[in-house]
Amino acid sequence: MTRVHVVIDSLTWGGAELLLGDLAAAAPDAGIELSVGYLSSQDGNVAADRLQRNGIEPQPIPVRGLLNPASILSVRRHLAERDPDVVHTHLEYADTLGCAAARSLGIPALSSLHVMHWGRDFRERSRARLAAFVRRRCTHRVVAVSDAARRAYLANGWDSEQHLVTLPNGSAADAQRGRGRAVRSELGLRQDDLVVTMLTVLRPGKGHDVAGSAAATLAERFPRLRLLIAGDGPSRPDVERAVRPLGDRAVMAGHRDDVMAVLDASDVLLHPSSFDAFPTGLIEAMAAAVPVLATRVGGIPEIVVDGETGVLIDAPPAADALTAALAPLLADGDLRRTLGARGRERYSSEFTAARWVRRLAALYREAAVSRRAA
């Protein structure tokens, strides 16, 4: 078994955080003994539940800020106590502190890039450059979750092509057929409603305002149309304002840990994002055989095959384009079923957690061998 210790910024409701539960589920069969540490508590540590269900109790690592010397010493002590074969960091603070601490201990580290948009103001760019410097100097490999994320990172001049590899995430999602009826009843949705679901953290750039406009335009033609927004995040007040004109046609469900049951209650998964490296919700929708309507941006075209497993529109999303693409899906149940079935086939061949974690385990073993050879 390869002993891998993950360090992540927090265990809030973001995609990187929730993905650790899928890693934990598939790790034993791939020969990985997994443990997890996190730097800060946020929003109730909602991602901890998935880890705990797989027998992993995540451990807090007290830090006082990115540039405080006490922070790196705290992370270093934490790693020294566990002495894993490999450290795997996720997100900016963990990448900076975790990779530097691992190198000081002679422990090989990997860092995963989950984003391809690093902000524009001076503070955000400075923090991104610092993290990139540490990744370049202190990791065995930097792992991009999509080719698009890899290209964006290299375009900044932050690393070499040889050091950066692409390894798409997977999901341990199981279709939960039949559970959607209970979800619809719980949320006040009728069984004959046309449910269009958005499944993402509520933050700028996810297209909730455009989705609300498209739903309002289509409401007269499709009187049973409902927009279901599952997720939480810093932009919740803005999203609530954006969909308020829809009245009871919009349902704000908050964070849901029963994602596959929510998808079983859905007719279409809508993801009109302006930027995204590799959204897990699209993979989960394909696992549930739910057709996807998304923007042709970032790593999304590496997941969804336009016209075959879903429908793609150009980014940034416009309400009229989204309306035009969504209407045929709402009108044609056979089309939804065909796209959903093909999406399920693509999930099974490309995006299962078992496939993803086997490839990740090979990188861990490679890193561990480099430590023994040093």
Protein backbone atom coordinates (compact mmCIF):
# COMPACT_ATOMS: atom_id res chain seq x y z
CA MET A 1 0.00 0.00 0.00
CA THR A 2 1.17 3.53 -0.77
CA ARG A 3 0.52 5.83 2.18
CA VAL A 4 -0.82 9.12 0.82
CA HIS A 5 -1.65 12.16 2.93
CA VAL A 6 -3.88 14.77 1.32
CA VAL A 7 -3.65 18.41 2.42
CA ILE A 8 -6.44 20.74 1.31
CA ASP A 9 -7.45 24.31 2.14
CA SER A 10 -10.81 23.37 3.67
CA LEU A 11 -13.66 20.88 3.53
CA THR A 12 -16.36 23.26 2.33
CA TRP A 13 -18.82 22.57 -0.54
CA GLY A 14 -16.48 23.15 -3.51
CA GLY A 15 -15.81 20.56 -6.18
CA ALA A 16 -12.22 19.81 -5.12
CA GLU A 17 -13.30 19.32 -1.51
CA LEU A 18 -16.26 17.04 -2.24
CA LEU A 19 -14.18 15.02 -4.70
CA LEU A 20 -12.06 13.68 -1.84
CA GLY A 21 -14.95 11.41 -0.88
CA ASP A 22 -14.73 9.71 -4.29
CA LEU A 23 -10.97 9.36 -3.88
CA ALA A 24 -11.47 7.80 -0.46
CA ALA A 25 -14.05 5.33 -1.81
CA ALA A 26 -11.76 4.04 -4.57
CA ALA A 27 -8.40 4.27 -2.76
CA PRO A 28 -8.22 0.82 -1.06
CA ASP A 29 -8.78 -1.12 -4.29
CA ALA A 30 -6.03 0.93 -5.94
CA GLY A 31 -3.52 0.13 -3.21
CA ILE A 32 -3.71 3.53 -1.50
CA GLU A 33 -3.84 4.10 2.25
CA LEU A 34 -5.37 7.57 2.44
CA SER A 35 -5.44 10.21 5.17
CA VAL A 36 -6.54 13.84 5.00
CA GLY A 37 -5.60 17.12 6.69
CA TYR A 38 -7.26 20.52 6.16
CA LEU A 39 -6.12 24.05 6.94
CA SER A 40 -9.34 25.83 7.89
CA SER A 41 -12.92 25.06 8.92
CA GLN A 42 -15.60 26.61 6.71
CA ASP A 43 -19.36 26.26 6.37
CA GLY A 44 -19.60 23.27 8.67
CA ASN A 45 -16.96 21.15 6.88
CA VAL A 46 -19.69 19.61 4.72
CA ALA A 47 -17.19 17.56 2.68
CA ALA A 48 -16.05 15.73 5.82
CA ASP A 49 -19.18 13.56 5.81
CA ARG A 50 -18.16 11.77 2.60
CA LEU A 51 -14.71 11.06 4.02
CA GLN A 52 -16.09 9.79 7.31
CA ARG A 53 -18.46 7.41 5.49
CA ASN A 54 -15.35 5.89 3.94
CA GLY A 55 -13.56 5.48 7.26
CA ILE A 56 -11.37 8.59 7.11
CA GLU A 57 -11.44 11.17 9.90
CA PRO A 58 -9.91 14.38 8.47
CA GLN A 59 -7.52 16.20 10.77
CA PRO A 60 -7.33 20.00 11.19
CA ILE A 61 -3.95 21.68 10.70
CA PRO A 62 -3.82 25.03 12.55
CA VAL A 63 -2.38 27.84 10.40
CA ARG A 64 -2.24 31.61 10.88
CA GLY A 65 -1.98 32.86 7.29
CA LEU A 66 -0.07 32.13 4.15
CA LEU A 67 3.03 34.20 4.96
CA ASN A 68 3.19 33.56 8.70
CA PRO A 69 6.28 31.41 9.50
CA ALA A 70 4.28 29.61 12.18
CA SER A 71 1.95 28.25 9.48
CA ILE A 72 4.58 26.31 7.56
CA LEU A 73 6.04 25.02 10.83
CA SER A 74 2.60 23.76 11.83
CA VAL A 75 2.11 21.98 8.50
CA ARG A 76 5.63 20.56 8.73
CA ARG A 77 4.95 19.12 12.21
CA HIS A 78 1.68 17.64 10.96
CA LEU A 79 3.39 15.90 8.03
CA ALA A 80 6.33 14.73 10.13
CA GLU A 81 3.96 13.03 12.58
CA ARG A 82 2.27 11.11 9.76
CA ASP A 83 5.38 10.50 7.61
CA PRO A 84 3.46 9.43 4.49
CA ASP A 85 5.06 8.06 1.35
CA VAL A 86 3.53 10.91 -0.68
CA VAL A 87 1.80 14.22 0.05
CA HIS A 88 -0.96 15.35 -2.33
CA THR A 89 -2.08 18.97 -2.03
CA HIS A 90 -5.22 20.65 -3.32
CA LEU A 91 -5.94 24.40 -3.64
CA GLU A 92 -3.69 27.39 -3.24
CA TYR A 93 -2.89 27.63 0.47
CA ALA A 94 -2.38 23.87 0.77
CA ASP A 95 -0.21 23.86 -2.35
CA THR A 96 2.02 26.62 -0.98
CA LEU A 97 2.36 25.46 2.62
CA GLY A 98 1.97 21.72 2.09
CA CYS A 99 4.41 21.33 -0.79
CA ALA A 100 7.07 23.50 0.87
CA ALA A 101 6.74 21.58 4.14
CA ALA A 102 6.87 18.23 2.34
CA ARG A 103 10.06 19.19 0.53
CA SER A 104 11.70 20.26 3.78
CA LEU A 105 11.03 16.75 5.09
CA GLY A 106 12.15 14.97 1.92
CA ILE A 107 8.61 13.70 1.22
CA PRO A 108 7.62 13.77 -2.48
CA ALA A 109 4.54 15.85 -3.22
CA LEU A 110 1.95 16.15 -5.95
CA SER A 111 -0.29 19.17 -6.44
CA SER A 112 -3.61 19.16 -8.32
CA LEU A 113 -4.81 22.16 -10.32
CA HIS A 114 -8.59 22.40 -10.05
CA VAL A 115 -8.98 25.86 -11.60
CA MET A 116 -7.88 27.71 -14.72
CA HIS A 117 -8.84 31.23 -13.66
CA TRP A 118 -6.49 32.89 -11.18
CA GLY A 119 -8.05 36.29 -10.61
CA ARG A 120 -7.04 39.70 -11.86
CA ASP A 121 -6.24 41.93 -8.88
CA PHE A 122 -2.71 42.30 -7.55
CA ARG A 123 -3.25 40.30 -4.37
CA GLU A 124 -4.85 37.30 -6.12
CA ARG A 125 -2.21 37.21 -8.86
CA SER A 126 0.62 37.52 -6.32
CA ARG A 127 -0.80 34.61 -4.33
CA ALA A 128 -1.18 32.56 -7.52
CA ARG A 129 2.41 33.28 -8.56
CA LEU A 130 3.71 32.26 -5.14
CA ALA A 131 1.78 28.98 -5.27
CA ALA A 132 3.07 28.33 -8.80
CA PHE A 133 6.66 28.98 -7.69
CA VAL A 134 6.32 26.50 -4.83
CA ARG A 135 4.67 23.87 -7.05
CA ARG A 136 7.47 24.17 -9.60
CA ARG A 137 10.24 23.89 -7.01
CA CYS A 138 8.75 21.49 -4.49
CA THR A 139 6.60 18.88 -6.27
CA HIS A 140 7.31 15.67 -8.10
CA ARG A 141 4.46 16.44 -10.50
CA VAL A 142 1.74 19.05 -10.95
CA VAL A 143 -1.53 17.40 -12.00
CA ALA A 144 -3.99 19.36 -14.16
CA VAL A 145 -7.56 18.07 -14.14
CA SER A 146 -8.02 18.83 -17.84
CA ASP A 147 -5.98 19.64 -20.93
CA ALA A 148 -7.60 23.08 -20.92
CA ALA A 149 -6.37 23.74 -17.36
CA ARG A 150 -2.91 22.52 -18.33
CA ARG A 151 -2.75 24.85 -21.34
CA ALA A 152 -3.94 27.83 -19.27
CA TYR A 153 -1.34 27.19 -16.58
CA LEU A 154 1.50 26.79 -19.09
CA ALA A 155 0.39 29.98 -20.88
CA ASN A 156 1.29 31.91 -17.72
CA GLY A 157 4.84 30.58 -17.93
CA TRP A 158 4.54 29.07 -14.47
CA ASP A 159 5.92 25.59 -15.18
CA SER A 160 7.40 23.28 -17.82
CA GLU A 161 5.49 20.90 -20.06
CA GLN A 162 7.48 17.96 -18.66
CA HIS A 163 6.51 18.70 -15.06
CA LEU A 164 2.78 19.16 -15.71
CA VAL A 165 0.54 16.18 -16.48
CA THR A 166 -3.18 15.90 -17.24
CA LEU A 167 -5.24 13.46 -15.23
CA PRO A 168 -9.03 13.97 -15.44
CA ASN A 169 -11.02 13.40 -12.27
CA GLY A 170 -13.56 10.63 -11.95
CA SER A 171 -16.58 9.96 -9.79
CA ALA A 172 -17.82 7.10 -7.64
CA ALA A 173 -21.40 8.11 -8.42
CA ASP A 174 -24.00 5.36 -8.66
CA ALA A 175 -27.29 5.99 -10.43
CA GLN A 176 -30.14 5.93 -7.90
CA ARG A 177 -33.13 5.16 -10.05
CA GLY A 178 -36.45 5.73 -8.36
CA ARG A 179 -35.16 7.97 -5.56
CA GLY A 180 -35.99 11.08 -7.52
CA ARG A 181 -39.70 10.71 -6.77
CA ALA A 182 -39.06 11.28 -3.07
CA VAL A 183 -36.79 14.26 -3.81
CA ARG A 184 -39.49 15.83 -5.97
CA SER A 185 -42.06 15.37 -3.23
CA GLU A 186 -39.71 16.83 -0.61
CA LEU A 187 -39.02 19.92 -2.73
CA GLY A 188 -42.64 20.51 -3.76
CA LEU A 189 -42.13 19.40 -7.37
CA ARG A 190 -44.79 17.46 -9.23
CA GLN A 191 -43.92 14.15 -10.85
CA ASP A 192 -44.84 15.53 -14.30
CA ASP A 193 -42.75 18.71 -13.93
CA LEU A 194 -39.88 19.31 -16.34
CA VAL A 195 -37.02 19.78 -13.88
CA VAL A 196 -33.92 21.60 -15.08
CA THR A 197 -31.22 21.34 -12.42
CA MET A 198 -28.12 23.39 -11.71
CA LEU A 199 -25.66 21.55 -9.48
CA THR A 200 -22.72 23.75 -8.53
CA VAL A 201 -21.30 25.98 -5.83
CA LEU A 202 -22.99 29.38 -5.82
CA ARG A 203 -20.28 31.76 -6.91
CA PRO A 204 -19.81 34.30 -9.72
CA GLY A 205 -19.44 32.96 -13.25
CA LYS A 206 -21.71 29.93 -12.91
CA GLY A 207 -24.52 31.42 -15.00
CA HIS A 208 -27.43 31.31 -12.58
CA ASP A 209 -28.68 34.69 -13.81
CA VAL A 210 -28.68 33.52 -17.43
CA ALA A 211 -30.46 30.31 -16.45
CA GLY A 212 -33.14 32.32 -14.68
CA SER A 213 -33.69 34.47 -17.78
CA ALA A 214 -33.93 31.42 -20.05
CA ALA A 215 -36.40 29.72 -17.71
CA ALA A 216 -38.58 32.85 -17.64
CA THR A 217 -38.63 32.99 -21.44
CA LEU A 218 -39.58 29.32 -21.75
CA ALA A 219 -42.18 29.30 -18.97
CA GLU A 220 -45.16 30.08 -21.22
CA ARG A 221 -44.28 27.35 -23.73
CA PHE A 222 -43.47 24.83 -20.97
CA PRO A 223 -45.81 25.55 -18.06
CA ARG A 224 -44.45 22.60 -16.03
CA LEU A 225 -40.86 23.88 -16.25
CA ARG A 226 -39.07 24.17 -12.88
CA LEU A 227 -35.52 25.42 -12.24
CA LEU A 228 -33.91 23.49 -9.38
CA ILE A 229 -30.77 25.08 -7.95
CA ALA A 230 -28.80 22.71 -5.73
CA GLY A 231 -25.71 24.02 -4.00
CA ASP A 232 -24.58 26.78 -1.70
CA GLY A 233 -21.85 29.37 -1.61
CA PRO A 234 -20.95 33.04 -1.29
CA SER A 235 -23.24 34.20 -4.11
CA ARG A 236 -26.43 32.75 -2.70
CA PRO A 237 -28.09 36.18 -2.13
CA ASP A 238 -27.29 37.19 -5.72
CA VAL A 239 -28.67 33.93 -7.10
CA GLU A 240 -31.84 34.30 -5.04
CA ARG A 241 -32.36 37.78 -6.47
CA ALA A 242 -31.72 36.56 -10.01
CA VAL A 243 -34.39 33.83 -9.85
CA ARG A 244 -36.94 35.70 -7.73
CA PRO A 245 -39.00 36.72 -10.81
CA LEU A 246 -39.65 33.01 -11.46
CA GLY A 247 -41.59 32.67 -8.21
CA ASP A 248 -42.30 29.03 -7.40
CA ARG A 249 -40.84 27.97 -10.74
CA ALA A 250 -37.42 28.27 -9.07
CA VAL A 251 -36.45 26.04 -6.13
CA MET A 252 -33.37 26.86 -4.06
CA ALA A 253 -32.49 23.52 -2.49
CA GLY A 254 -29.20 24.48 -0.81
CA HIS A 255 -26.31 22.07 -0.42
CA ARG A 256 -27.35 18.46 -1.02
CA ASP A 257 -25.28 15.43 -0.19
CA ASP A 258 -27.75 13.16 -2.02
CA VAL A 259 -26.55 14.39 -5.42
CA MET A 260 -27.47 11.24 -7.35
CA ALA A 261 -31.01 11.26 -5.95
CA VAL A 262 -31.34 14.91 -6.97
CA LEU A 263 -30.16 13.99 -10.46
CA ASP A 264 -32.69 11.17 -10.59
CA ALA A 265 -35.30 13.88 -10.04
CA SER A 266 -33.90 15.91 -12.95
CA ASP A 267 -34.72 15.96 -16.65
CA VAL A 268 -31.75 18.14 -17.72
CA LEU A 269 -28.52 19.21 -16.00
CA LEU A 270 -27.79 22.85 -16.83
CA HIS A 271 -24.26 24.26 -16.49
CA PRO A 272 -23.90 27.65 -18.27
CA SER A 273 -20.55 28.52 -16.72
CA SER A 274 -18.22 31.24 -18.00
CA PHE A 275 -15.11 29.29 -16.94
CA ASP A 276 -14.55 25.83 -15.52
CA ALA A 277 -11.56 23.50 -15.42
CA PHE A 278 -13.42 20.19 -15.03
CA PRO A 279 -16.82 20.30 -13.26
CA THR A 280 -17.62 17.06 -11.45
CA GLY A 281 -21.38 17.70 -11.62
CA LEU A 282 -21.33 16.96 -15.35
CA ILE A 283 -19.73 13.57 -14.73
CA GLU A 284 -22.30 12.79 -12.05
CA ALA A 285 -25.12 13.75 -14.43
CA MET A 286 -23.77 11.37 -17.06
CA ALA A 287 -23.55 8.63 -14.43
CA ALA A 288 -27.25 9.24 -13.75
CA ALA A 289 -28.04 9.23 -17.51
CA VAL A 290 -29.22 12.85 -17.35
CA PRO A 291 -28.49 14.93 -20.49
CA VAL A 292 -26.20 17.91 -20.01
CA LEU A 293 -26.55 21.41 -21.46
CA ALA A 294 -23.36 23.36 -20.80
CA THR A 295 -21.02 25.98 -22.17
CA ARG A 296 -18.15 25.16 -24.50
CA VAL A 297 -15.49 26.45 -22.15
CA GLY A 298 -12.47 25.15 -20.23
CA GLY A 299 -12.47 21.41 -19.70
CA ILE A 300 -16.21 20.97 -20.37
CA PRO A 301 -15.75 19.80 -24.01
CA GLU A 302 -13.41 17.12 -22.65
CA ILE A 303 -16.41 15.73 -20.74
CA VAL A 304 -19.45 16.42 -22.93
CA VAL A 305 -19.49 15.45 -26.62
CA ASP A 306 -21.75 18.01 -28.29
CA GLY A 307 -24.80 16.41 -29.91
CA GLU A 308 -23.83 12.97 -28.65
CA THR A 309 -23.81 12.99 -24.85
CA GLY A 310 -25.19 16.49 -24.37
CA VAL A 311 -25.43 19.95 -25.88
CA LEU A 312 -22.82 22.73 -25.77
CA ILE A 313 -23.26 26.46 -26.37
CA ASP A 314 -20.63 29.14 -26.68
CA ALA A 315 -19.30 31.06 -23.69
CA PRO A 316 -19.92 33.46 -22.15
CA PRO A 317 -23.48 32.19 -22.07
CA ALA A 318 -26.26 34.39 -23.46
CA ALA A 319 -29.88 33.97 -22.43
CA ASP A 320 -31.15 33.68 -26.01
CA ALA A 321 -28.60 31.00 -26.91
CA LEU A 322 -29.38 29.07 -23.74
CA THR A 323 -33.12 29.35 -24.41
CA ALA A 324 -32.69 28.08 -27.98
CA ALA A 325 -30.61 25.09 -26.86
CA LEU A 326 -32.81 24.18 -23.90
CA ALA A 327 -36.17 24.25 -25.72
CA PRO A 328 -35.57 21.10 -27.86
CA LEU A 329 -34.48 19.15 -24.79
CA LEU A 330 -37.63 20.12 -22.91
CA ALA A 331 -39.84 19.30 -25.90
CA ASP A 332 -38.40 15.88 -26.76
CA GLY A 333 -38.26 13.15 -24.12
CA ASP A 334 -36.73 10.68 -26.59
CA LEU A 335 -33.87 13.11 -27.25
CA ARG A 336 -33.25 13.46 -23.52
CA ARG A 337 -33.20 9.69 -23.06
CA THR A 338 -30.83 9.15 -26.01
CA LEU A 339 -28.34 11.78 -24.87
CA GLY A 340 -28.58 10.52 -21.30
CA ALA A 341 -27.91 6.91 -22.29
CA ARG A 342 -24.88 7.89 -24.36
CA GLY A 343 -23.63 10.02 -21.50
CA ARG A 344 -23.90 7.03 -19.18
CA GLU A 345 -21.83 4.96 -21.61
CA ARG A 346 -19.15 7.66 -21.74
CA TYR A 347 -19.08 7.89 -17.95
CA SER A 348 -18.61 4.12 -17.66
CA SER A 349 -15.71 4.06 -20.10
CA GLU A 350 -13.92 7.30 -19.17
CA PHE A 351 -14.86 8.82 -15.83
CA THR A 352 -15.36 6.23 -13.10
CA ALA A 353 -13.54 6.78 -9.83
CA ALA A 354 -11.84 3.39 -10.19
CA ARG A 355 -10.24 4.41 -13.50
CA TRP A 356 -9.22 7.82 -12.19
CA VAL A 357 -7.71 6.53 -8.94
CA ARG A 358 -5.79 3.70 -10.67
CA ARG A 359 -4.03 6.34 -12.78
CA LEU A 360 -3.46 8.51 -9.72
CA ALA A 361 -2.02 5.51 -7.84
CA ALA A 362 0.56 5.07 -10.60
CA LEU A 363 1.71 8.67 -10.06
CA TYR A 364 1.88 8.07 -6.30
CA ARG A 365 4.04 4.97 -6.80
CA GLU A 366 6.31 6.87 -9.18
CA ALA A 367 6.73 9.63 -6.60
CA ALA A 368 7.36 7.16 -3.78
CA VAL A 369 10.05 5.40 -5.81
CA SER A 370 11.76 8.75 -6.38
CA ARG A 371 11.98 9.20 -2.60
CA ARG A 372 13.51 5.77 -2.07
CA ALA A 373 16.01 6.41 -4.88
CA ALA A 374 17.10 9.76 -3.45
